Amino acid sequence: MEREKAIELLKKYNKEEFHIRHAITVEQVMRNFAKELGYDEEFWGIVRTIT
């Protein structure tokens, strides 16, 4: 799944702006951890965005 589709699903099921901002913030944290640990940043960012 591409990030755009993940954001689309996020916004479909979360109408509160706070929840959307929170998910995107956590996405960035997950990307940073993935990068630091040598994992796929895109995968872990998207996983956190849609869960």
PDB file of N, CA and C in Angstrom:
ATOM      1  N   MET A   1       0.846  -1.166   0.000  1.00  0.00           N
ATOM      2  CA  MET A   1       0.000   0.000   0.000  1.00  0.00           C
ATOM      3  C   MET A   1       0.900   1.241   0.000  1.00  0.00           C
ATOM      4  N   GLU A   2       0.503   2.234  -0.739  1.00  0.00           N
ATOM      5  CA  GLU A   2       1.251   3.485  -0.780  1.00  0.00           C
ATOM      6  C   GLU A   2       0.771   4.421   0.318  1.00  0.00           C
ATOM      7  N   ARG A   3       1.627   5.359   0.686  1.00  0.00           N
ATOM      8  CA  ARG A   3       1.314   6.282   1.774  1.00  0.00           C
ATOM      9  C   ARG A   3       0.024   7.057   1.509  1.00  0.00           C
ATOM     10  N   GLU A   4      -0.194   7.477   0.285  1.00  0.00           N
ATOM     11  CA  GLU A   4      -1.396   8.248  -0.046  1.00  0.00           C
ATOM     12  C   GLU A   4      -2.667   7.464   0.270  1.00  0.00           C
ATOM     13  N   LYS A   5      -2.663   6.175  -0.052  1.00  0.00           N
ATOM     14  CA  LYS A   5      -3.813   5.322   0.231  1.00  0.00           C
ATOM     15  C   LYS A   5      -3.986   5.156   1.745  1.00  0.00           C
ATOM     16  N   ALA A   6      -2.871   5.014   2.471  1.00  0.00           N
ATOM     17  CA  ALA A   6      -2.932   4.885   3.927  1.00  0.00           C
ATOM     18  C   ALA A   6      -3.533   6.143   4.557  1.00  0.00           C
ATOM     19  N   ILE A   7      -3.129   7.308   4.072  1.00  0.00           N
ATOM     20  CA  ILE A   7      -3.672   8.571   4.594  1.00  0.00           C
ATOM     21  C   ILE A   7      -5.155   8.675   4.260  1.00  0.00           C
ATOM     22  N   GLU A   8      -5.527   8.232   3.087  1.00  0.00           N
ATOM     23  CA  GLU A   8      -6.940   8.237   2.685  1.00  0.00           C
ATOM     24  C   GLU A   8      -7.770   7.378   3.643  1.00  0.00           C
ATOM     25  N   LEU A   9      -7.290   6.184   3.957  1.00  0.00           N
ATOM     26  CA  LEU A   9      -7.997   5.314   4.906  1.00  0.00           C
ATOM     27  C   LEU A   9      -8.027   5.923   6.299  1.00  0.00           C
ATOM     28  N   LEU A  10      -6.933   6.511   6.711  1.00  0.00           N
ATOM     29  CA  LEU A  10      -6.874   7.174   8.012  1.00  0.00           C
ATOM     30  C   LEU A  10      -7.967   8.223   8.122  1.00  0.00           C
ATOM     31  N   LYS A  11      -8.085   9.060   7.106  1.00  0.00           N
ATOM     32  CA  LYS A  11      -9.073  10.139   7.123  1.00  0.00           C
ATOM     33  C   LYS A  11     -10.501   9.619   6.959  1.00  0.00           C
ATOM     34  N   LYS A  12     -10.658   8.479   6.314  1.00  0.00           N
ATOM     35  CA  LYS A  12     -11.987   7.892   6.157  1.00  0.00           C
ATOM     36  C   LYS A  12     -12.551   7.444   7.502  1.00  0.00           C
ATOM     37  N   TYR A  13     -11.710   6.873   8.342  1.00  0.00           N
ATOM     38  CA  TYR A  13     -12.169   6.299   9.607  1.00  0.00           C
ATOM     39  C   TYR A  13     -11.893   7.172  10.816  1.00  0.00           C
ATOM     40  N   ASN A  14     -11.191   8.277  10.642  1.00  0.00           N
ATOM     41  CA  ASN A  14     -10.890   9.197  11.738  1.00  0.00           C
ATOM     42  C   ASN A  14     -11.256  10.603  11.300  1.00  0.00           C
ATOM     43  N   LYS A  15     -12.286  11.145  11.882  1.00  0.00           N
ATOM     44  CA  LYS A  15     -12.751  12.475  11.484  1.00  0.00           C
ATOM     45  C   LYS A  15     -12.166  13.587  12.344  1.00  0.00           C
ATOM     46  N   GLU A  16     -11.671  13.255  13.534  1.00  0.00           N
ATOM     47  CA  GLU A  16     -11.095  14.266  14.423  1.00  0.00           C
ATOM     48  C   GLU A  16      -9.703  14.660  13.949  1.00  0.00           C
ATOM     49  N   GLU A  17      -9.468  15.956  13.810  1.00  0.00           N
ATOM     50  CA  GLU A  17      -8.172  16.450  13.356  1.00  0.00           C
ATOM     51  C   GLU A  17      -7.042  16.006  14.288  1.00  0.00           C
ATOM     52  N   PHE A  18      -7.322  15.961  15.593  1.00  0.00           N
ATOM     53  CA  PHE A  18      -6.305  15.521  16.552  1.00  0.00           C
ATOM     54  C   PHE A  18      -5.838  14.108  16.243  1.00  0.00           C
ATOM     55  N   HIS A  19      -6.755  13.199  15.941  1.00  0.00           N
ATOM     56  CA  HIS A  19      -6.389  11.810  15.668  1.00  0.00           C
ATOM     57  C   HIS A  19      -5.549  11.696  14.395  1.00  0.00           C
ATOM     58  N   ILE A  20      -5.883  12.493  13.419  1.00  0.00           N
ATOM     59  CA  ILE A  20      -5.126  12.478  12.164  1.00  0.00           C
ATOM     60  C   ILE A  20      -3.711  13.003  12.406  1.00  0.00           C
ATOM     61  N   ARG A  21      -3.598  14.128  13.111  1.00  0.00           N
ATOM     62  CA  ARG A  21      -2.270  14.684  13.413  1.00  0.00           C
ATOM     63  C   ARG A  21      -1.456  13.713  14.262  1.00  0.00           C
ATOM     64  N   HIS A  22      -2.123  13.077  15.222  1.00  0.00           N
ATOM     65  CA  HIS A  22      -1.428  12.124  16.089  1.00  0.00           C
ATOM     66  C   HIS A  22      -0.874  10.952  15.273  1.00  0.00           C
ATOM     67  N   ALA A  23      -1.692  10.399  14.387  1.00  0.00           N
ATOM     68  CA  ALA A  23      -1.257   9.269  13.565  1.00  0.00           C
ATOM     69  C   ALA A  23      -0.069   9.647  12.686  1.00  0.00           C
ATOM     70  N   ILE A  24      -0.091  10.836  12.121  1.00  0.00           N
ATOM     71  CA  ILE A  24       1.009  11.273  11.262  1.00  0.00           C
ATOM     72  C   ILE A  24       2.278  11.510  12.091  1.00  0.00           C
ATOM     73  N   THR A  25       2.118  12.017  13.295  1.00  0.00           N
ATOM     74  CA  THR A  25       3.271  12.193  14.189  1.00  0.00           C
ATOM     75  C   THR A  25       3.881  10.843  14.544  1.00  0.00           C
ATOM     76  N   VAL A  26       3.034   9.883  14.890  1.00  0.00           N
ATOM     77  CA  VAL A  26       3.526   8.548  15.238  1.00  0.00           C
ATOM     78  C   VAL A  26       4.164   7.890  14.014  1.00  0.00           C
ATOM     79  N   GLU A  27       3.625   8.163  12.836  1.00  0.00           N
ATOM     80  CA  GLU A  27       4.232   7.643  11.607  1.00  0.00           C
ATOM     81  C   GLU A  27       5.690   8.103  11.507  1.00  0.00           C
ATOM     82  N   GLN A  28       5.921   9.378  11.776  1.00  0.00           N
ATOM     83  CA  GLN A  28       7.279   9.908  11.689  1.00  0.00           C
ATOM     84  C   GLN A  28       8.205   9.273  12.727  1.00  0.00           C
ATOM     85  N   VAL A  29       7.687   9.044  13.918  1.00  0.00           N
ATOM     86  CA  VAL A  29       8.477   8.379  14.961  1.00  0.00           C
ATOM     87  C   VAL A  29       8.843   6.968  14.512  1.00  0.00           C
ATOM     88  N   MET A  30       7.873   6.241  13.967  1.00  0.00           N
ATOM     89  CA  MET A  30       8.132   4.881  13.506  1.00  0.00           C
ATOM     90  C   MET A  30       9.149   4.866  12.369  1.00  0.00           C
ATOM     91  N   ARG A  31       9.060   5.830  11.481  1.00  0.00           N
ATOM     92  CA  ARG A  31      10.033   5.926  10.388  1.00  0.00           C
ATOM     93  C   ARG A  31      11.443   6.142  10.937  1.00  0.00           C
ATOM     94  N   ASN A  32      11.555   7.008  11.945  1.00  0.00           N
ATOM     95  CA  ASN A  32      12.868   7.272  12.538  1.00  0.00           C
ATOM     96  C   ASN A  32      13.436   6.035  13.211  1.00  0.00           C
ATOM     97  N   PHE A  33      12.607   5.324  13.981  1.00  0.00           N
ATOM     98  CA  PHE A  33      13.070   4.091  14.615  1.00  0.00           C
ATOM     99  C   PHE A  33      13.480   3.060  13.567  1.00  0.00           C
ATOM    100  N   ALA A  34      12.663   2.911  12.527  1.00  0.00           N
ATOM    101  CA  ALA A  34      12.969   1.938  11.474  1.00  0.00           C
ATOM    102  C   ALA A  34      14.307   2.273  10.811  1.00  0.00           C
ATOM    103  N   LYS A  35      14.516   3.546  10.518  1.00  0.00           N
ATOM    104  CA  LYS A  35      15.768   3.968   9.888  1.00  0.00           C
ATOM    105  C   LYS A  35      16.953   3.659  10.797  1.00  0.00           C
ATOM    106  N   GLU A  36      16.811   3.991  12.071  1.00  0.00           N
ATOM    107  CA  GLU A  36      17.885   3.769  13.032  1.00  0.00           C
ATOM    108  C   GLU A  36      18.217   2.285  13.186  1.00  0.00           C
ATOM    109  N   LEU A  37      17.194   1.438  13.109  1.00  0.00           N
ATOM    110  CA  LEU A  37      17.393   0.001  13.305  1.00  0.00           C
ATOM    111  C   LEU A  37      17.642  -0.768  12.006  1.00  0.00           C
ATOM    112  N   GLY A  38      17.602  -0.059  10.880  1.00  0.00           N
ATOM    113  CA  GLY A  38      17.894  -0.690   9.601  1.00  0.00           C
ATOM    114  C   GLY A  38      16.713  -1.394   8.953  1.00  0.00           C
ATOM    115  N   TYR A  39      15.501  -1.007   9.341  1.00  0.00           N
ATOM    116  CA  TYR A  39      14.301  -1.595   8.745  1.00  0.00           C
ATOM    117  C   TYR A  39      13.747  -0.684   7.656  1.00  0.00           C
ATOM    118  N   ASP A  40      12.755  -1.178   6.945  1.00  0.00           N
ATOM    119  CA  ASP A  40      12.120  -0.440   5.855  1.00  0.00           C
ATOM    120  C   ASP A  40      11.267   0.698   6.425  1.00  0.00           C
ATOM    121  N   GLU A  41      11.724   1.934   6.231  1.00  0.00           N
ATOM    122  CA  GLU A  41      11.025   3.108   6.772  1.00  0.00           C
ATOM    123  C   GLU A  41       9.614   3.251   6.214  1.00  0.00           C
ATOM    124  N   GLU A  42       9.468   3.052   4.917  1.00  0.00           N
ATOM    125  CA  GLU A  42       8.157   3.215   4.273  1.00  0.00           C
ATOM    126  C   GLU A  42       7.151   2.229   4.861  1.00  0.00           C
ATOM    127  N   PHE A  43       7.557   0.973   4.983  1.00  0.00           N
ATOM    128  CA  PHE A  43       6.670  -0.060   5.526  1.00  0.00           C
ATOM    129  C   PHE A  43       6.211   0.297   6.929  1.00  0.00           C
ATOM    130  N   TRP A  44       7.142   0.593   7.820  1.00  0.00           N
ATOM    131  CA  TRP A  44       6.784   0.849   9.215  1.00  0.00           C
ATOM    132  C   TRP A  44       6.021   2.150   9.384  1.00  0.00           C
ATOM    133  N   GLY A  45       6.280   3.141   8.540  1.00  0.00           N
ATOM    134  CA  GLY A  45       5.495   4.362   8.584  1.00  0.00           C
ATOM    135  C   GLY A  45       4.050   4.111   8.212  1.00  0.00           C
ATOM    136  N   ILE A  46       3.839   3.331   7.167  1.00  0.00           N
ATOM    137  CA  ILE A  46       2.485   3.039   6.714  1.00  0.00           C
ATOM    138  C   ILE A  46       1.763   2.138   7.704  1.00  0.00           C
ATOM    139  N   VAL A  47       2.450   1.145   8.240  1.00  0.00           N
ATOM    140  CA  VAL A  47       1.817   0.254   9.224  1.00  0.00           C
ATOM    141  C   VAL A  47       1.251   1.076  10.369  1.00  0.00           C
ATOM    142  N   ARG A  48       2.004   2.013  10.856  1.00  0.00           N
ATOM    143  CA  ARG A  48       1.543   2.808  11.988  1.00  0.00           C
ATOM    144  C   ARG A  48       0.445   3.776  11.581  1.00  0.00           C
ATOM    145  N   THR A  49       0.462   4.256  10.365  1.00  0.00           N
ATOM    146  CA  THR A  49      -0.545   5.197   9.906  1.00  0.00           C
ATOM    147  C   THR A  49      -1.928   4.554   9.853  1.00  0.00           C
ATOM    148  N   ILE A  50      -1.995   3.299   9.438  1.00  0.00           N
ATOM    149  CA  ILE A  50      -3.307   2.681   9.242  1.00  0.00           C
ATOM    150  C   ILE A  50      -3.754   1.798  10.394  1.00  0.00           C
ATOM    151  N   THR A  51      -2.966   1.675  11.447  1.00  0.00           N
ATOM    152  CA  THR A  51      -3.403   0.838  12.559  1.00  0.00           C
ATOM    153  C   THR A  51      -3.861   1.656  13.726  1.00  0.00           C
TER     154      THR A  51
END
